[in-house]
Protein backbone atom coordinates (compact mmCIF):
# COMPACT_ATOMS: atom_id res chain seq x y z
CA MET A 1 140.97 222.54 -90.32
CA THR A 2 139.59 223.80 -93.64
CA THR A 3 136.28 222.59 -95.06
CA ASP A 4 138.07 220.58 -97.77
CA MET A 5 140.29 218.94 -95.16
CA ALA A 6 137.28 218.10 -93.00
CA VAL A 7 135.46 216.52 -95.96
CA HIS A 8 138.56 214.52 -96.89
CA SER A 9 138.96 213.36 -93.28
CA SER A 10 135.30 212.33 -93.15
CA GLU A 11 135.58 210.42 -96.43
CA THR A 12 138.73 208.67 -95.24
CA SER A 13 137.01 207.70 -92.00
CA GLY A 14 134.04 206.36 -93.97
CA VAL A 15 136.26 204.23 -96.18
CA GLN A 16 138.04 202.84 -93.13
CA GLN A 17 134.74 201.94 -91.49
CA TRP A 18 133.52 200.17 -94.62
CA GLU A 19 136.85 198.38 -94.95
CA GLN A 20 136.64 197.19 -91.34
CA ALA A 21 133.04 196.00 -91.77
CA MET A 22 133.74 194.16 -95.02
CA THR A 23 137.03 192.68 -93.80
CA LYS A 24 135.32 191.39 -90.65
CA LEU A 25 132.73 189.56 -92.74
CA TYR A 26 135.31 188.28 -95.21
CA THR A 27 137.52 186.94 -92.41
CA SER A 28 134.48 185.29 -90.83
CA PHE A 29 133.59 183.66 -94.15
CA ILE A 30 137.11 182.29 -94.63
CA ASP A 31 137.51 181.13 -91.01
CA TYR A 32 134.12 179.44 -90.74
CA GLY A 33 134.41 178.04 -94.26
CA THR A 34 137.76 176.47 -93.38
CA GLU A 35 136.28 175.07 -90.16
CA ALA A 36 133.25 173.71 -92.02
CA LEU A 37 135.48 171.71 -94.35
CA LYS A 38 137.21 169.90 -91.49
CA GLU A 39 134.27 167.97 -90.03
CA PHE A 40 131.23 169.76 -91.50
CA ASP A 41 130.34 171.19 -88.10
CA ASP A 42 126.77 172.44 -88.46
CA GLU A 43 127.42 175.77 -86.73
CA ALA A 44 130.50 176.44 -88.87
CA VAL A 45 128.48 175.68 -92.01
CA HIS A 46 125.72 178.00 -90.78
CA GLN A 47 128.06 180.89 -89.94
CA ALA A 48 129.99 180.56 -93.21
CA ARG A 49 126.70 180.73 -95.08
CA VAL A 50 125.51 183.75 -93.08
CA SER A 51 128.82 185.54 -93.72
CA SER A 52 128.56 184.89 -97.47
CA ARG A 53 124.99 186.23 -97.47
CA LYS A 54 125.99 189.36 -95.57
CA LEU A 55 128.85 189.95 -97.98
CA LEU A 56 126.48 189.60 -100.93
CA THR A 57 124.05 192.05 -99.33
CA LEU A 58 126.69 194.71 -98.73
CA LEU A 59 128.24 194.16 -102.15
CA SER A 60 124.83 194.81 -103.70
CA VAL A 61 124.79 198.16 -101.85
CA LEU A 62 128.41 199.11 -102.51
CA ASP A 63 128.88 197.61 -105.95
CA PRO A 64 125.48 197.23 -107.66
CA ARG A 65 127.18 196.90 -111.07
CA HIS A 66 129.25 193.94 -109.79
CA SER A 67 132.47 195.50 -111.04
CA SER A 68 134.57 193.67 -108.45
CA GLY A 69 133.87 190.18 -109.79
CA LEU A 70 133.34 188.95 -106.22
CA THR A 71 129.60 188.32 -106.36
CA ALA A 72 129.81 185.08 -108.35
CA ASN A 73 132.23 183.53 -105.82
CA PHE A 74 130.07 184.31 -102.81
CA LYS A 75 126.87 183.23 -104.58
CA GLN A 76 128.36 179.85 -105.40
CA ALA A 77 129.67 179.46 -101.87
CA GLN A 78 126.29 180.39 -100.41
CA LYS A 79 124.55 177.87 -102.66
CA ARG A 80 126.84 174.98 -101.72
CA LEU A 81 126.79 175.85 -98.00
CA GLY A 82 123.02 176.27 -98.15
CA LYS A 83 122.43 172.76 -99.45
CA VAL A 84 124.29 171.31 -96.46
CA ARG A 85 122.74 173.74 -93.98
CA ASP A 86 119.19 172.99 -95.13
CA ALA A 87 119.82 169.27 -94.66
CA ASP A 88 121.30 169.91 -91.18
CA VAL A 89 118.20 171.86 -90.13
CA LEU A 90 115.75 169.28 -91.45
CA ILE A 91 117.60 166.35 -89.89
CA GLN A 92 117.78 168.05 -86.49
CA SER A 93 114.10 169.00 -86.60
CA PHE A 94 113.01 165.51 -87.59
CA LYS A 95 115.18 163.97 -84.86
CA GLU A 96 113.28 166.06 -82.33
CA ARG A 97 109.98 165.03 -83.92
CA ARG A 98 110.98 161.38 -83.79
CA LYS A 99 111.85 161.71 -80.10
CA THR A 100 108.46 163.29 -79.40
CA ALA A 101 106.70 160.56 -81.40
CA LYS A 102 108.46 157.83 -79.43
CA LEU A 103 107.55 159.44 -76.10
CA SER A 104 103.91 159.70 -77.13
CA GLY A 105 103.73 156.11 -78.36
CA GLY A 106 103.64 156.94 -82.06
CA LYS A 107 105.82 154.06 -83.18
CA LYS A 108 104.76 154.16 -86.82
CA THR A 109 105.36 157.90 -87.06
CA ALA A 110 108.73 157.48 -85.35
CA LYS A 111 109.64 154.79 -87.88
CA LEU A 112 108.63 157.08 -90.77
CA LEU A 113 110.72 159.92 -89.35
CA GLY A 114 113.68 157.58 -88.93
CA ALA A 115 113.44 156.68 -92.61
CA VAL A 116 113.34 160.37 -93.57
CA ILE A 117 116.40 161.07 -91.43
CA ARG A 118 118.36 158.22 -93.04
CA HIS A 119 117.37 159.41 -96.51
CA GLN A 120 118.37 162.99 -95.74
CA LYS A 121 121.68 161.92 -94.21
CA ALA A 122 122.48 160.15 -97.48
CA GLN A 123 121.53 163.30 -99.40
CA ARG A 124 123.59 165.44 -97.03
CA LYS A 125 126.60 163.19 -97.56
CA GLN A 126 126.40 163.95 -101.29
CA GLN A 127 126.01 167.69 -100.65
CA ARG A 128 128.97 167.65 -98.26
CA ALA A 129 131.09 165.99 -100.95
CA LYS A 130 130.08 168.72 -103.42
CA LEU A 131 130.88 171.37 -100.82
CA ALA A 132 134.28 169.82 -100.16
CA ASP A 133 135.00 169.89 -103.90
CA ALA A 134 133.80 173.44 -104.53
CA LEU A 135 134.47 175.54 -101.44
CA PRO A 136 138.30 175.43 -101.32
CA ALA A 137 138.51 176.87 -104.84
CA LEU A 138 135.86 179.48 -104.00
CA MET A 139 137.67 180.56 -100.83
CA ASN A 140 141.17 180.44 -102.24
CA GLY A 141 141.99 180.47 -105.93
CA GLU A 142 141.51 183.96 -107.32
CA LEU A 143 139.31 185.19 -104.47
CA GLN A 144 142.05 186.68 -102.30
CA GLY A 145 143.48 188.66 -105.20
CA LYS A 146 140.05 189.95 -106.18
CA TRP A 147 139.32 190.82 -102.56
CA ASP A 148 142.58 192.71 -102.06
CA GLU A 149 141.97 194.67 -105.26
CA PHE A 150 138.41 195.45 -104.17
CA ILE A 151 139.46 196.74 -100.74
CA LYS A 152 142.50 198.72 -101.83
CA GLU A 153 141.59 199.89 -105.32
CA ARG A 154 137.80 199.95 -105.71
CA LEU A 155 136.35 200.56 -102.24
CA PRO A 156 137.32 204.25 -101.80
CA ALA A 157 135.59 205.27 -105.04
CA LEU A 158 132.55 203.11 -104.33
CA VAL A 159 132.12 204.56 -100.83
CA ALA A 160 132.33 208.08 -102.25
CA GLU A 161 129.47 207.28 -104.64
CA ILE A 162 126.97 205.57 -102.35
CA ASP A 163 124.38 206.88 -99.94
CA VAL A 164 123.65 203.94 -97.69
CA ASN A 165 120.64 205.71 -96.16
CA MET A 166 119.11 205.99 -99.62
CA SER A 167 119.95 202.33 -100.22
CA MET A 168 118.15 201.44 -97.01
CA ARG A 169 115.08 203.44 -98.06
CA GLU A 170 115.11 201.59 -101.39
CA LEU A 171 115.26 198.28 -99.53
CA GLU A 172 112.33 199.38 -97.38
CA THR A 173 110.35 200.31 -100.48
CA ALA A 174 111.14 196.95 -102.08
CA PHE A 175 109.97 195.20 -98.90
CA GLU A 176 106.67 197.10 -98.84
CA GLN A 177 106.10 196.43 -102.55
CA GLN A 178 106.72 192.71 -102.04
CA LYS A 179 104.40 192.76 -99.03
CA LYS A 180 101.71 194.27 -101.26
CA ARG A 181 102.31 191.52 -103.84
CA CYS A 182 101.81 188.92 -101.10
CA LYS A 183 98.48 190.48 -100.10
CA GLU A 184 97.34 190.53 -103.72
CA MET A 185 98.42 186.92 -104.18
CA PHE A 186 96.41 185.87 -101.11
CA LYS A 187 93.31 187.27 -102.83
CA GLN A 188 93.94 185.04 -105.85
CA GLU A 189 95.47 181.90 -104.37
CA PRO A 190 95.10 179.90 -101.14
CA PRO A 191 97.77 181.09 -98.63
CA GLY A 192 99.31 177.62 -98.58
CA SER A 193 99.63 177.37 -102.36
CA ARG A 194 103.03 177.18 -104.02
CA LYS A 195 102.59 180.60 -105.66
CA ALA A 196 101.62 182.30 -102.39
CA LEU A 197 104.46 180.67 -100.46
CA ASP A 198 106.94 181.67 -103.17
CA GLU A 199 105.91 185.30 -102.70
CA LEU A 200 106.26 185.01 -98.92
CA HIS A 201 109.73 183.55 -99.38
CA LYS A 202 110.68 186.57 -101.50
CA LEU A 203 109.39 188.81 -98.71
CA ARG A 204 111.60 186.97 -96.23
CA ILE A 205 114.64 187.50 -98.46
CA SER A 206 113.76 191.20 -98.67
CA ALA A 207 113.58 191.42 -94.86
CA LYS A 208 116.91 189.65 -94.60
CA ARG A 209 118.59 192.20 -96.87
CA ILE A 210 117.36 195.04 -94.65
CA ARG A 211 118.45 193.21 -91.50
CA TYR A 212 121.94 192.47 -92.79
CA THR A 213 122.45 196.00 -94.10
CA ALA A 214 121.23 197.53 -90.84
CA ASN A 215 123.61 195.31 -88.90
CA ALA A 216 126.78 195.54 -90.96
CA ALA A 217 126.44 199.18 -92.04
CA ALA A 218 125.09 200.60 -88.76
CA PHE A 219 128.03 203.03 -88.58
CA ALA A 220 126.88 204.74 -91.79
CA LEU A 221 123.12 204.80 -91.14
CA ASP A 222 120.90 207.50 -89.69
CA GLN A 223 119.58 206.94 -86.18
CA LYS A 224 116.10 206.07 -87.45
CA PHE A 225 117.46 202.91 -89.06
CA HIS A 226 119.29 201.60 -85.99
CA ALA A 227 116.35 199.51 -84.77
CA HIS A 228 115.87 197.85 -88.16
CA GLU A 229 118.21 194.96 -87.43
CA ALA A 230 116.02 193.78 -84.53
CA ILE A 231 112.71 194.60 -86.25
CA TYR A 232 113.51 192.74 -89.45
CA LYS A 233 115.16 189.86 -87.63
CA GLU A 234 111.78 189.18 -86.01
CA ILE A 235 110.03 189.46 -89.38
CA GLN A 236 112.57 187.11 -90.95
CA SER A 237 112.09 184.63 -88.10
CA GLU A 238 108.30 184.59 -88.47
CA LEU A 239 108.46 184.08 -92.21
CA GLY A 240 111.27 181.55 -91.77
CA ASP A 241 109.00 179.36 -89.66
CA ILE A 242 106.58 179.23 -92.59
CA THR A 243 109.38 178.55 -95.08
CA ASP A 244 110.77 175.68 -93.00
CA LYS A 245 107.44 173.89 -92.88
CA ARG A 246 106.96 174.39 -96.61
CA VAL A 247 110.44 172.92 -97.25
CA TRP A 248 109.66 169.91 -95.05
CA LEU A 249 106.44 169.23 -96.94
CA ASP A 250 108.19 169.59 -100.29
CA THR A 251 111.00 167.29 -99.15
CA MET A 252 108.56 164.61 -98.03
CA GLU A 253 106.70 164.80 -101.34
CA ASP A 254 109.95 164.64 -103.31
CA ILE A 255 111.05 161.50 -101.45
CA GLY A 256 107.65 159.84 -101.63
CA ARG A 257 105.82 157.36 -99.43
CA LYS A 258 107.06 154.23 -101.18
CA GLU A 259 110.72 155.22 -100.89
CA LEU A 260 110.23 155.54 -97.13
CA ASP A 261 108.33 152.23 -96.88
CA ALA A 262 105.48 153.86 -94.97
CA SER A 263 101.87 152.75 -94.87
CA ARG A 264 99.37 155.02 -96.56
CA ALA A 265 97.64 155.73 -93.24
CA THR A 266 100.87 156.71 -91.47
CA TRP A 267 102.00 158.82 -94.41
CA ASN A 268 98.69 160.65 -94.74
CA ALA A 269 98.46 161.33 -91.02
CA PHE A 270 101.95 162.80 -90.89
CA MET A 271 101.55 164.89 -94.04
CA GLU A 272 98.23 166.23 -92.75
CA SER A 273 99.87 167.20 -89.46
CA LEU A 274 102.66 169.04 -91.31
CA GLN A 275 100.11 170.81 -93.50
CA ALA A 276 98.19 171.84 -90.39
CA GLU A 277 101.39 173.25 -88.87
CA LEU A 278 102.02 175.25 -92.03
CA GLU A 279 98.50 176.66 -92.04
CA ASP A 280 98.79 177.53 -88.34
CA ALA A 281 102.10 179.34 -88.93
CA LEU A 282 100.47 181.28 -91.77
CA ARG A 283 97.53 182.30 -89.56
CA ARG A 284 99.78 183.31 -86.65
CA ASN A 285 102.18 185.43 -88.67
CA THR A 286 101.93 189.16 -88.00
CA VAL A 287 103.75 190.30 -91.15
CA VAL A 288 101.06 189.78 -93.79
CA ASP A 289 97.38 189.33 -93.01
CA VAL A 290 96.16 185.95 -94.20
CA PRO A 291 92.47 185.77 -95.17
CA ALA A 292 90.40 183.37 -93.10
CA THR A 293 89.59 180.12 -94.85
CA PRO A 294 85.91 180.11 -95.85
């Protein structure tokens, strides 16, 4: 085999591997999205959302100029799925909290949590209706044609242009820069402030991009990157615990005490306990050092 033939064979193999990886994610998105629309199964919603996020991550590596026209579809799908998924997570968490409150004799807290759950179920019903309206068009419509064109016409040239190892190094650099911004923010703002938590959320998104790229593009990455999926999954999980508690606090504040018909004492006690959980999660995180409260 000549050198030119070997290079061509290697390039062809690379295109096939990328096609397989992308097609696997696309099929997962369509299958789970279709399943999610039947009965809004929470796991189907979750997996459809994850698949759309992974597709967006790999598209940002393969097609940073968004020439395929696919990014807008997957972003919209992710947004609509995310609204339902976030409600699913909060409802499940607050059900567990209500059960714990009942077992410990906290009747007033259990009543408050029940009111939150009912409110969020009503909100989720609206988000499910929006998902049911939007997702079929996002999954069908022009998407299949755009996808087929991307795989058959655009992918070979895009694969020939990219260096996924360089892309991974750029993602690592972006993560470290965002980590530095978090540390600087902690010097200016309390760790639990909205500004500080916004920066931590951005750091979590950065970790997620590395994790998804390391997972889906493992076949194209150098050996030194093969552990990144596990490493950044742990980082994402730690930061996700902080994000969840921040979302719960924000949700409670958005609803308001009066809407939930809770006494001021019960409301304050619960909000203080949530705030304490958030602060504890911030202190325990091993990703970014949080200054001790004076």
